[in-house]
Amino acid sequence: MHIVVLGAGVVGTTTAWYLQRQGHQVTVVDRQSQAGLETSYANGGQVSVSHAEPWANPSAPLKVLKWLFRADAPLLFRPRCDPAQWRWALAFLRECTSARAAHNIRQMVNLGTYSRAQLQSLRDDLGLEYDALTKGILHFYTNREEFEGALEPTRIMQGLGCDRQVIDADRAIELEPALKPIRDRIAGATYTSEDESGDARKFTQQLAQKCGEAGVSFYYGTDILGFERAGDRILGVHTLRDGVHSTLRGDAYVLSLGSFSAPLARTIGLTLDIYPAKGYSITVPVNNPDAAFNVSLTDDEYKLVYSRLGDRLRVAGTAELNGYSRELNQTRCRAIVRRTAEIMPEAGHWDQAQFWTGLRPATPSNVPYIGKSHFANLYLNTGHGTLGWTHSCGSAAALADIVDGRRPEVDFSFSGL
């Protein structure tokens, strides 16, 4: 078939790769000038099966209320006159039970484990280089209550095959000496040796190049305006490029536009519970290599992740539910710098931080939409939230199987199946 993929982020680009590998003619459409220039551009860099505890869990409602009026809160909900935001918020509360949280952990661990294996195979097959480090991910806790709250989700993940080990402060320092400045404040930690990190933008752009060499067409600088439909079929996608309107036609279509999937889907009566969770990151040059981290880190109390990308340090996190604005909130930027400089003062040139913000496509459950829509030839691969990089290869491989009428290998609740 000729398949049109909407979106050239890490999810859309991996989708294009796996579809062309199965013999399909693939066209990718994106408004940016290259692949990976939106949410994939400067994300946290973690490939983290261990990051599977959903935001929606039994402790979340109280935390959100406590953080409601803090401009530097890890998860900030700014109420708006936006029905989509309130619908999302109510769905989020429904996901906060212990049973729903356990179900969602299962979904994310299963997909994450499968996806990590697909990524490793793809990297080896294509020789992709993107500052990858395979030294695991260390979650550290400087708050005893936060650490104790992580033990039950960790137990669930272990039962699903995620080798997330509970360790003490001494073992954490042994694994990552860069944490020595806060040794006395570490209440506990967990370590997942099989997790990884790397630059998602570099990966996406290298894979897009491989896609092009394999025959995939990319229409960059192209705005997607809407669908042409008849009954339960999509007939084409209306686009605008260089001032020229046209309609791009294919046999099937894949929606992978991240946060912008939901408003486009609404134009054809398809409701997706996806809302933008604006995340922030800083990228700084390494200052003292001996003081800089090499193991990817997660600071769960502050919802920050740390990745070493060659001679750069990337720290990303926090979430702001405040519509589609990508304006930088300087208070939140300074909060990231303050926390990282406090933990590892000599690691990076913190005064040279480059700030970035992107819109993560969050679902209330943190579980993405992957599979068929109720339109006969429209497929979904979107809503991956903070785990688009982690879940991209597995989501794409699974969707390619679904398009070809096969049941994917991974145990996951796919849309439309």
Protein backbone atom coordinates (compact mmCIF):
# COMPACT_ATOMS: atom_id res chain seq x y z
CA MET A 1 0.00 0.00 0.00
CA HIS A 2 0.87 3.66 -0.18
CA ILE A 3 0.80 4.82 3.43
CA VAL A 4 0.91 8.47 4.50
CA VAL A 5 2.46 9.06 7.93
CA LEU A 6 1.52 12.38 9.54
CA GLY A 7 4.44 13.56 11.67
CA ALA A 8 8.23 13.21 11.45
CA GLY A 9 9.09 13.05 15.13
CA VAL A 10 10.72 9.97 16.61
CA VAL A 11 7.39 8.09 16.55
CA GLY A 12 6.44 9.04 12.98
CA THR A 13 9.93 8.37 11.63
CA THR A 14 10.24 4.95 13.25
CA THR A 15 6.74 4.16 11.95
CA ALA A 16 7.89 5.04 8.42
CA TRP A 17 10.93 2.79 8.79
CA TYR A 18 9.03 -0.31 9.89
CA LEU A 19 6.29 0.18 7.30
CA GLN A 20 8.75 0.50 4.41
CA ARG A 21 10.67 -2.50 5.71
CA GLN A 22 7.49 -4.53 5.22
CA GLY A 23 7.25 -3.44 1.60
CA HIS A 24 4.93 -0.44 1.73
CA GLN A 25 5.40 2.82 -0.15
CA VAL A 26 5.58 5.49 2.56
CA THR A 27 5.24 9.27 2.52
CA VAL A 28 5.90 11.32 5.67
CA VAL A 29 4.48 14.83 6.13
CA ASP A 30 5.72 17.37 8.67
CA ARG A 31 5.55 21.14 9.06
CA GLN A 32 9.18 21.41 10.15
CA SER A 33 12.23 21.58 7.86
CA GLN A 34 13.70 18.31 9.15
CA ALA A 35 12.72 15.29 11.19
CA GLY A 36 12.79 15.43 14.98
CA LEU A 37 12.44 19.18 15.45
CA GLU A 38 9.43 19.24 17.79
CA THR A 39 9.09 17.15 20.97
CA SER A 40 12.01 14.92 19.93
CA TYR A 41 14.36 17.90 19.66
CA ALA A 42 15.77 18.23 23.19
CA ASN A 43 13.96 15.71 25.37
CA GLY A 44 15.43 13.95 28.38
CA GLY A 45 17.22 11.32 26.31
CA GLN A 46 16.24 8.29 28.39
CA VAL A 47 15.20 4.92 27.02
CA SER A 48 13.57 4.01 30.29
CA VAL A 49 11.49 0.89 30.81
CA SER A 50 11.88 1.66 34.53
CA HIS A 51 10.06 4.97 34.13
CA ALA A 52 6.71 3.20 34.02
CA GLU A 53 4.87 4.60 37.03
CA PRO A 54 2.09 6.73 35.52
CA TRP A 55 1.47 10.28 36.65
CA ALA A 56 -2.04 9.13 37.52
CA ASN A 57 -1.57 7.12 40.72
CA PRO A 58 -3.19 7.17 44.18
CA SER A 59 -0.83 9.88 45.49
CA ALA A 60 -1.27 12.21 42.51
CA PRO A 61 -4.48 14.15 43.38
CA LEU A 62 -3.10 15.43 46.69
CA LYS A 63 0.23 16.34 45.09
CA VAL A 64 -1.46 18.25 42.27
CA LEU A 65 -3.52 20.25 44.79
CA LYS A 66 -0.40 20.99 46.81
CA TRP A 67 1.44 22.17 43.68
CA LEU A 68 -1.48 24.11 42.19
CA PHE A 69 -0.16 27.56 43.05
CA ARG A 70 3.58 26.85 42.82
CA ALA A 71 5.08 28.22 39.61
CA ASP A 72 8.03 25.80 39.91
CA ALA A 73 5.95 22.70 40.74
CA PRO A 74 7.01 19.42 39.07
CA LEU A 75 3.47 18.95 37.72
CA LEU A 76 1.60 22.21 37.20
CA PHE A 77 -2.08 22.33 36.24
CA ARG A 78 -3.21 25.77 35.09
CA PRO A 79 -7.01 25.70 34.66
CA ARG A 80 -8.25 27.17 31.39
CA CYS A 81 -11.60 27.64 29.68
CA ASP A 82 -10.81 24.63 27.54
CA PRO A 83 -13.24 21.67 27.45
CA ALA A 84 -10.45 19.37 26.22
CA GLN A 85 -8.33 20.21 29.27
CA TRP A 86 -11.15 19.53 31.73
CA ARG A 87 -12.16 16.31 30.01
CA TRP A 88 -8.54 15.20 30.23
CA ALA A 89 -8.32 16.19 33.91
CA LEU A 90 -11.44 14.21 34.84
CA ALA A 91 -10.14 11.18 32.94
CA PHE A 92 -6.82 11.59 34.78
CA LEU A 93 -8.59 11.40 38.16
CA ARG A 94 -10.35 8.19 37.08
CA GLU A 95 -6.91 6.66 36.39
CA CYS A 96 -5.62 7.42 39.92
CA THR A 97 -6.86 4.22 41.59
CA SER A 98 -4.41 1.50 42.59
CA ALA A 99 -5.99 -0.96 40.16
CA ARG A 100 -5.79 1.41 37.18
CA ALA A 101 -2.23 2.43 38.04
CA ALA A 102 -1.15 -1.24 38.20
CA HIS A 103 -2.85 -1.93 34.84
CA ASN A 104 -1.13 1.05 33.23
CA ILE A 105 2.27 0.07 34.64
CA ARG A 106 1.82 -3.32 33.00
CA GLN A 107 1.05 -1.70 29.65
CA MET A 108 4.08 0.58 29.79
CA VAL A 109 6.55 -2.05 31.02
CA ASN A 110 5.49 -4.55 28.36
CA LEU A 111 5.67 -1.98 25.56
CA GLY A 112 8.90 -0.49 26.91
CA THR A 113 10.71 -3.82 27.16
CA TYR A 114 9.68 -4.77 23.63
CA SER A 115 10.58 -1.35 22.29
CA ARG A 116 14.02 -1.27 23.90
CA ALA A 117 14.85 -4.59 22.24
CA GLN A 118 13.65 -3.25 18.88
CA LEU A 119 15.79 -0.13 19.31
CA GLN A 120 18.88 -2.15 20.14
CA SER A 121 18.37 -4.34 17.09
CA LEU A 122 17.79 -1.32 14.85
CA ARG A 123 20.90 0.43 16.17
CA ASP A 124 23.05 -2.61 15.49
CA ASP A 125 21.57 -3.27 12.05
CA LEU A 126 21.91 0.31 10.78
CA GLY A 127 24.98 1.45 12.70
CA LEU A 128 23.18 4.47 14.15
CA GLU A 129 25.25 6.80 16.34
CA TYR A 130 23.42 9.19 18.63
CA ASP A 131 25.51 9.53 21.83
CA ALA A 132 24.03 6.30 23.15
CA LEU A 133 25.08 5.12 26.61
CA THR A 134 24.10 1.65 27.82
CA LYS A 135 24.93 2.10 31.50
CA GLY A 136 21.44 1.84 32.93
CA ILE A 137 19.19 4.33 34.71
CA LEU A 138 19.49 5.17 38.40
CA HIS A 139 16.47 6.63 40.21
CA PHE A 140 17.56 8.47 43.37
CA TYR A 141 15.40 9.85 46.15
CA THR A 142 16.25 12.65 48.57
CA ASN A 143 12.87 12.35 50.27
CA ARG A 144 12.11 9.27 52.39
CA GLU A 145 8.37 9.39 51.66
CA GLU A 146 9.01 9.53 47.89
CA PHE A 147 11.36 6.56 48.13
CA GLU A 148 8.90 4.46 50.12
CA GLY A 149 6.15 5.40 47.65
CA ALA A 150 8.29 4.00 44.81
CA LEU A 151 8.66 0.54 46.34
CA GLU A 152 5.25 -0.85 45.34
CA PRO A 153 5.46 0.32 41.69
CA THR A 154 8.98 -1.13 41.59
CA ARG A 155 7.67 -4.46 42.89
CA ILE A 156 5.01 -4.50 40.15
CA MET A 157 7.63 -3.73 37.49
CA GLN A 158 9.88 -6.51 38.79
CA GLY A 159 6.97 -8.94 38.49
CA LEU A 160 6.64 -7.94 34.84
CA GLY A 161 10.28 -8.67 34.09
CA CYS A 162 11.76 -5.19 34.54
CA ASP A 163 15.02 -5.68 36.45
CA ARG A 164 14.65 -2.58 38.62
CA GLN A 165 16.72 -3.22 41.74
CA VAL A 166 16.19 -1.43 45.06
CA ILE A 167 19.55 -0.23 46.36
CA ASP A 168 20.94 1.93 49.17
CA ALA A 169 22.88 5.19 49.03
CA ASP A 170 26.29 3.49 49.13
CA ARG A 171 25.46 1.35 46.11
CA ALA A 172 24.09 4.40 44.30
CA ILE A 173 27.37 6.26 44.83
CA GLU A 174 29.31 3.21 43.69
CA LEU A 175 27.31 3.15 40.45
CA GLU A 176 27.43 6.91 39.93
CA PRO A 177 30.18 8.76 41.84
CA ALA A 178 28.82 12.11 40.60
CA LEU A 179 26.18 11.81 43.36
CA LYS A 180 28.79 12.04 46.13
CA PRO A 181 27.95 15.68 46.99
CA ILE A 182 24.49 14.57 48.19
CA ARG A 183 25.46 11.19 49.71
CA ASP A 184 24.00 12.05 53.12
CA ARG A 185 20.69 13.14 51.60
CA ILE A 186 19.95 10.04 49.54
CA ALA A 187 17.12 8.12 51.22
CA GLY A 188 17.31 5.27 48.73
CA ALA A 189 17.54 4.46 45.05
CA THR A 190 16.65 1.97 42.34
CA TYR A 191 18.77 0.86 39.40
CA THR A 192 17.79 -0.70 36.07
CA SER A 193 20.94 -1.89 34.34
CA GLU A 194 19.33 -2.62 30.96
CA ASP A 195 17.94 0.88 30.42
CA GLU A 196 19.78 3.35 28.17
CA SER A 197 20.08 6.95 27.08
CA GLY A 198 20.87 8.87 23.90
CA ASP A 199 20.02 11.89 21.78
CA ALA A 200 16.54 11.33 20.34
CA ARG A 201 16.92 14.07 17.74
CA LYS A 202 20.17 12.62 16.38
CA PHE A 203 18.56 9.18 16.27
CA THR A 204 15.46 10.47 14.48
CA GLN A 205 17.40 12.42 11.87
CA GLN A 206 19.78 9.56 11.14
CA LEU A 207 16.87 7.15 10.81
CA ALA A 208 15.06 9.62 8.53
CA GLN A 209 18.13 9.59 6.30
CA LYS A 210 18.07 5.79 6.23
CA CYS A 211 14.35 5.94 5.41
CA GLY A 212 15.06 8.26 2.50
CA GLU A 213 17.74 5.92 1.18
CA ALA A 214 15.19 3.09 1.37
CA GLY A 215 12.66 5.01 -0.70
CA VAL A 216 10.52 6.87 1.87
CA SER A 217 9.40 10.33 0.70
CA PHE A 218 9.46 13.23 3.17
CA TYR A 219 7.34 16.33 2.62
CA TYR A 220 8.89 18.84 4.99
CA GLY A 221 7.66 22.41 5.48
CA THR A 222 4.13 21.18 4.87
CA ASP A 223 1.17 22.18 7.05
CA ILE A 224 -1.55 19.58 7.53
CA LEU A 225 -4.93 21.30 7.32
CA GLY A 226 -7.41 18.44 7.57
CA PHE A 227 -8.79 15.27 6.07
CA GLU A 228 -10.98 14.52 3.10
CA ARG A 229 -13.30 11.66 4.02
CA ALA A 230 -16.23 9.63 2.72
CA GLY A 231 -18.11 7.45 5.17
CA ASP A 232 -15.63 5.40 7.20
CA ARG A 233 -12.66 6.02 4.88
CA ILE A 234 -10.08 8.77 4.61
CA LEU A 235 -9.63 9.83 0.99
CA GLY A 236 -6.79 12.32 1.42
CA VAL A 237 -5.00 14.88 3.54
CA HIS A 238 -5.32 18.59 2.75
CA THR A 239 -1.93 20.31 2.96
CA LEU A 240 -0.34 23.73 2.48
CA ARG A 241 3.25 24.02 1.26
CA ASP A 242 4.94 27.19 0.02
CA GLY A 243 1.55 28.83 -0.25
CA VAL A 244 0.13 26.07 -2.44
CA HIS A 245 -2.88 24.00 -1.31
CA SER A 246 -2.98 20.36 -2.37
CA THR A 247 -4.44 17.01 -1.36
CA LEU A 248 -2.11 14.11 -0.61
CA ARG A 249 -3.71 10.73 -1.22
CA GLY A 250 -2.79 7.26 -0.04
CA ASP A 251 -4.30 3.87 0.69
CA ALA A 252 -3.89 4.28 4.45
CA TYR A 253 -2.88 6.98 6.92
CA VAL A 254 -1.07 7.01 10.27
CA LEU A 255 -1.66 9.82 12.75
CA SER A 256 1.60 10.56 14.64
CA LEU A 257 1.37 14.30 15.27
CA GLY A 258 1.99 14.20 19.00
CA SER A 259 -0.04 16.81 20.88
CA PHE A 260 -1.50 18.06 17.61
CA SER A 261 -3.10 14.68 16.89
CA ALA A 262 -6.13 15.45 19.06
CA PRO A 263 -7.28 18.71 17.42
CA LEU A 264 -6.81 17.23 13.93
CA ALA A 265 -8.74 14.10 14.91
CA ARG A 266 -11.62 16.22 16.22
CA THR A 267 -12.18 17.61 12.72
CA ILE A 268 -13.44 14.16 11.68
CA GLY A 269 -15.31 13.41 14.89
CA LEU A 270 -12.58 11.30 16.48
CA THR A 271 -11.97 12.08 20.16
CA LEU A 272 -8.49 11.35 21.48
CA ASP A 273 -7.75 12.05 25.14
CA ILE A 274 -4.40 13.71 24.43
CA TYR A 275 -3.41 17.01 25.99
CA PRO A 276 -0.07 18.84 25.75
CA ALA A 277 2.11 18.55 28.84
CA LYS A 278 4.73 21.23 28.32
CA GLY A 279 8.11 19.95 29.41
CA TYR A 280 11.40 21.80 29.83
CA SER A 281 15.03 20.89 29.37
CA ILE A 282 18.44 22.44 29.77
CA THR A 283 21.56 21.45 27.84
CA VAL A 284 24.96 22.49 29.15
CA PRO A 285 28.61 21.74 28.31
CA VAL A 286 30.45 19.38 30.65
CA ASN A 287 32.62 21.37 33.08
CA ASN A 288 34.54 18.74 35.07
CA PRO A 289 34.42 15.27 33.42
CA ASP A 290 35.30 13.62 36.74
CA ALA A 291 32.31 15.26 38.44
CA ALA A 292 29.84 14.73 35.60
CA PHE A 293 27.47 11.76 35.57
CA ASN A 294 27.75 8.88 33.10
CA VAL A 295 24.83 6.79 34.31
CA SER A 296 21.49 8.30 33.31
CA LEU A 297 19.67 9.57 36.40
CA THR A 298 16.11 10.21 37.48
CA ASP A 299 15.35 12.59 40.34
CA ASP A 300 11.83 11.40 41.11
CA GLU A 301 11.01 14.00 43.75
CA TYR A 302 11.55 16.83 41.26
CA LYS A 303 10.47 14.83 38.18
CA LEU A 304 13.81 15.45 36.42
CA VAL A 305 15.88 13.13 34.24
CA TYR A 306 19.61 13.49 33.49
CA SER A 307 21.41 12.14 30.43
CA ARG A 308 25.04 12.39 29.34
CA LEU A 309 25.17 13.14 25.61
CA GLY A 310 28.87 13.11 24.74
CA ASP A 311 30.34 16.38 25.99
CA ARG A 312 26.87 17.74 26.84
CA LEU A 313 24.62 17.24 29.84
CA ARG A 314 20.85 17.18 29.33
CA VAL A 315 18.43 17.66 32.22
CA ALA A 316 14.73 17.59 31.45
CA GLY A 317 11.42 17.29 33.18
CA THR A 318 8.47 18.94 34.88
CA ALA A 319 5.07 19.13 33.20
CA GLU A 320 2.81 22.12 32.67
CA LEU A 321 -0.80 21.54 31.57
CA ASN A 322 -1.45 24.96 30.13
CA GLY A 323 -2.59 24.66 26.51
CA TYR A 324 -0.46 24.75 23.40
CA SER A 325 1.82 27.68 24.24
CA ARG A 326 5.55 26.96 24.00
CA GLU A 327 6.61 30.15 25.72
CA LEU A 328 9.46 29.56 28.16
CA ASN A 329 8.54 30.03 31.81
CA GLN A 330 11.73 31.42 33.33
CA THR A 331 10.73 30.38 36.85
CA ARG A 332 10.57 26.75 35.75
CA CYS A 333 13.83 27.06 33.80
CA ARG A 334 15.63 28.48 36.85
CA ALA A 335 14.19 25.72 39.04
CA ILE A 336 15.88 23.05 36.88
CA VAL A 337 19.22 24.88 36.95
CA ARG A 338 18.97 25.42 40.70
CA ARG A 339 18.28 21.76 41.47
CA THR A 340 20.98 20.36 39.17
CA ALA A 341 23.63 22.83 40.36
CA GLU A 342 22.76 21.94 43.94
CA ILE A 343 23.21 18.21 43.33
CA MET A 344 26.31 18.27 41.10
CA PRO A 345 27.84 21.75 41.31
CA GLU A 346 31.00 20.91 39.35
CA ALA A 347 29.48 18.69 36.67
CA GLY A 348 28.39 21.27 34.09
CA HIS A 349 28.62 24.91 33.13
CA TRP A 350 25.20 25.57 34.63
CA ASP A 351 25.42 29.29 33.87
CA GLN A 352 25.56 28.41 30.14
CA ALA A 353 22.30 26.48 30.09
CA GLN A 354 20.41 26.41 26.80
CA PHE A 355 16.69 26.28 27.54
CA TRP A 356 14.08 24.41 25.52
CA THR A 357 10.44 23.55 25.89
CA GLY A 358 8.28 21.06 24.02
CA LEU A 359 4.74 19.75 24.13
CA ARG A 360 4.55 16.12 25.22
CA PRO A 361 1.37 14.40 24.01
CA ALA A 362 0.02 13.08 27.30
CA THR A 363 -2.90 10.75 27.81
CA PRO A 364 -4.56 10.57 31.26
CA SER A 365 -3.20 7.04 31.76
CA ASN A 366 0.22 7.69 30.16
CA VAL A 367 -0.61 4.77 27.83
CA PRO A 368 -0.43 5.73 24.12
CA TYR A 369 -2.92 5.11 21.32
CA ILE A 370 -1.51 2.44 19.00
CA GLY A 371 -3.62 0.63 16.44
CA LYS A 372 -6.74 1.13 14.36
CA SER A 373 -9.15 4.02 14.61
CA HIS A 374 -12.83 3.57 13.79
CA PHE A 375 -12.01 4.71 10.26
CA ALA A 376 -11.18 1.77 8.03
CA ASN A 377 -7.84 3.14 6.79
CA LEU A 378 -6.71 5.50 9.58
CA TYR A 379 -4.24 4.19 12.16
CA LEU A 380 -3.04 5.77 15.39
CA ASN A 381 0.47 5.93 16.83
CA THR A 382 0.36 8.87 19.17
CA GLY A 383 -0.09 10.03 22.77
CA HIS A 384 3.22 8.70 24.13
CA GLY A 385 3.69 11.52 26.66
CA THR A 386 7.16 11.52 28.24
CA LEU A 387 8.00 8.09 26.80
CA GLY A 388 7.93 8.69 23.05
CA TRP A 389 11.65 7.99 22.74
CA THR A 390 11.38 4.89 24.92
CA HIS A 391 8.31 3.46 23.15
CA SER A 392 8.95 4.63 19.58
CA CYS A 393 10.53 1.56 18.00
CA GLY A 394 8.19 -0.89 19.68
CA SER A 395 5.11 1.16 18.83
CA ALA A 396 6.21 1.41 15.20
CA ALA A 397 7.02 -2.28 14.84
CA ALA A 398 3.68 -3.22 16.42
CA LEU A 399 1.72 -0.81 14.24
CA ALA A 400 3.38 -2.16 11.10
CA ASP A 401 2.19 -5.63 12.13
CA ILE A 402 -1.35 -4.33 12.68
CA VAL A 403 -1.41 -2.64 9.27
CA ASP A 404 -0.43 -5.97 7.73
CA GLY A 405 -3.15 -7.84 9.64
CA ARG A 406 -0.86 -9.55 12.16
CA ARG A 407 -1.18 -9.57 15.93
CA PRO A 408 1.92 -7.82 17.40
CA GLU A 409 4.31 -9.84 19.54
CA VAL A 410 3.91 -7.61 22.60
CA ASP A 411 1.13 -7.96 25.21
CA PHE A 412 -0.53 -4.54 25.01
CA SER A 413 -4.08 -3.17 24.73
CA PHE A 414 -3.96 -1.91 21.18
CA SER A 415 -6.64 0.44 19.86
CA GLY A 416 -9.26 -1.24 17.71
CA LEU A 417 -8.18 -4.83 18.49
